[in-house]
Amino acid sequence: KDDSRLIEDISYIGREAEIYYQNMFSSGSVNIHDSIFVGIEKIIIDEQNDFLSGNPSASKIYQAINELNPDSASEGDGFT
């Protein structure tokens, strides 16, 4: 744990792991220090990044759904 206590009871270990990952993936903000990017060339411009990280429009979603093959089904993995 963050408070340096050792958890030995198996029933508490699972719960602490659950809490840890819930906190990690549900936090509203992520602090990324720019220093980790030193030496990495920036090849995507801000406009491209905005497009890639933005939400698709309703018309784009509609278009993608209509382009699906109605006579096909996914394989066992649900994707192919």
Protein backbone atom coordinates (compact mmCIF):
# COMPACT_ATOMS: atom_id res chain seq x y z
CA LYS A 1 0.00 0.00 0.00
CA ASP A 2 0.97 3.64 -0.36
CA ASP A 3 1.08 4.00 3.41
CA SER A 4 3.78 1.28 3.61
CA ARG A 5 1.61 -1.21 5.51
CA LEU A 6 2.11 -4.85 4.60
CA ILE A 7 -1.07 -6.74 3.76
CA GLU A 8 -0.84 -10.48 4.37
CA ASP A 9 -4.48 -11.56 4.56
CA ILE A 10 -5.43 -12.99 1.15
CA SER A 11 -8.95 -11.54 1.33
CA TYR A 12 -7.56 -8.03 1.70
CA ILE A 13 -4.90 -8.37 -1.01
CA GLY A 14 -7.50 -8.77 -3.75
CA ARG A 15 -9.53 -5.85 -2.46
CA GLU A 16 -6.46 -3.59 -2.29
CA ALA A 17 -5.53 -4.54 -5.86
CA GLU A 18 -9.06 -3.70 -6.98
CA ILE A 19 -8.95 -0.32 -5.24
CA TYR A 20 -5.50 0.42 -6.67
CA TYR A 21 -6.56 -0.19 -10.29
CA GLN A 22 -9.90 1.57 -9.88
CA ASN A 23 -8.06 4.64 -8.66
CA MET A 24 -5.48 4.41 -11.43
CA PHE A 25 -7.99 4.14 -14.26
CA SER A 26 -10.69 6.45 -12.93
CA SER A 27 -8.61 9.47 -12.01
CA GLY A 28 -9.65 12.59 -13.87
CA SER A 29 -6.18 13.72 -14.79
CA VAL A 30 -2.86 12.17 -15.54
CA ASN A 31 0.39 13.96 -14.78
CA ILE A 32 2.91 13.37 -17.53
CA HIS A 33 6.19 15.16 -17.17
CA ASP A 34 7.48 16.60 -20.43
CA SER A 35 10.97 15.39 -19.55
CA ILE A 36 10.05 11.84 -20.59
CA PHE A 37 9.70 13.05 -24.17
CA VAL A 38 13.20 14.48 -24.45
CA GLY A 39 14.88 13.00 -27.50
CA ILE A 40 11.65 11.85 -29.14
CA GLU A 41 10.96 13.65 -32.39
CA LYS A 42 7.49 15.20 -32.65
CA ILE A 43 6.01 14.06 -35.97
CA ILE A 44 2.28 14.64 -35.38
CA ILE A 45 1.16 18.24 -35.51
CA ASP A 46 -1.43 19.57 -33.07
CA GLU A 47 -4.23 19.57 -35.66
CA GLN A 48 -3.61 15.89 -36.42
CA ASN A 49 -3.54 15.06 -32.72
CA ASP A 50 -6.83 16.90 -32.16
CA PHE A 51 -8.43 14.93 -34.99
CA LEU A 52 -7.08 11.57 -33.76
CA SER A 53 -8.04 12.11 -30.13
CA GLY A 54 -11.43 13.70 -30.82
CA ASN A 55 -14.83 12.03 -30.83
CA PRO A 56 -16.26 10.99 -34.19
CA SER A 57 -19.29 12.88 -35.45
CA ALA A 58 -22.70 11.25 -35.60
CA SER A 59 -22.48 11.18 -39.40
CA LYS A 60 -19.11 9.35 -39.28
CA ILE A 61 -20.55 6.76 -36.88
CA TYR A 62 -23.60 6.32 -39.12
CA GLN A 63 -21.34 5.94 -42.16
CA ALA A 64 -19.17 3.32 -40.43
CA ILE A 65 -22.21 1.29 -39.35
CA ASN A 66 -23.66 1.37 -42.86
CA GLU A 67 -20.35 0.16 -44.30
CA LEU A 68 -20.44 -3.01 -42.19
CA ASN A 69 -21.13 -6.20 -44.11
CA PRO A 70 -24.60 -7.37 -42.99
CA ASP A 71 -23.78 -10.94 -44.05
CA SER A 72 -20.68 -11.35 -41.91
CA ALA A 73 -20.09 -12.21 -38.28
CA SER A 74 -17.06 -11.91 -36.06
CA GLU A 75 -14.87 -14.89 -35.30
CA GLY A 76 -14.35 -16.39 -31.85
CA ASP A 77 -12.23 -13.46 -30.66
CA GLY A 78 -15.04 -11.02 -31.45
CA PHE A 79 -12.92 -8.92 -33.81
CA THR A 80 -12.01 -10.86 -36.96
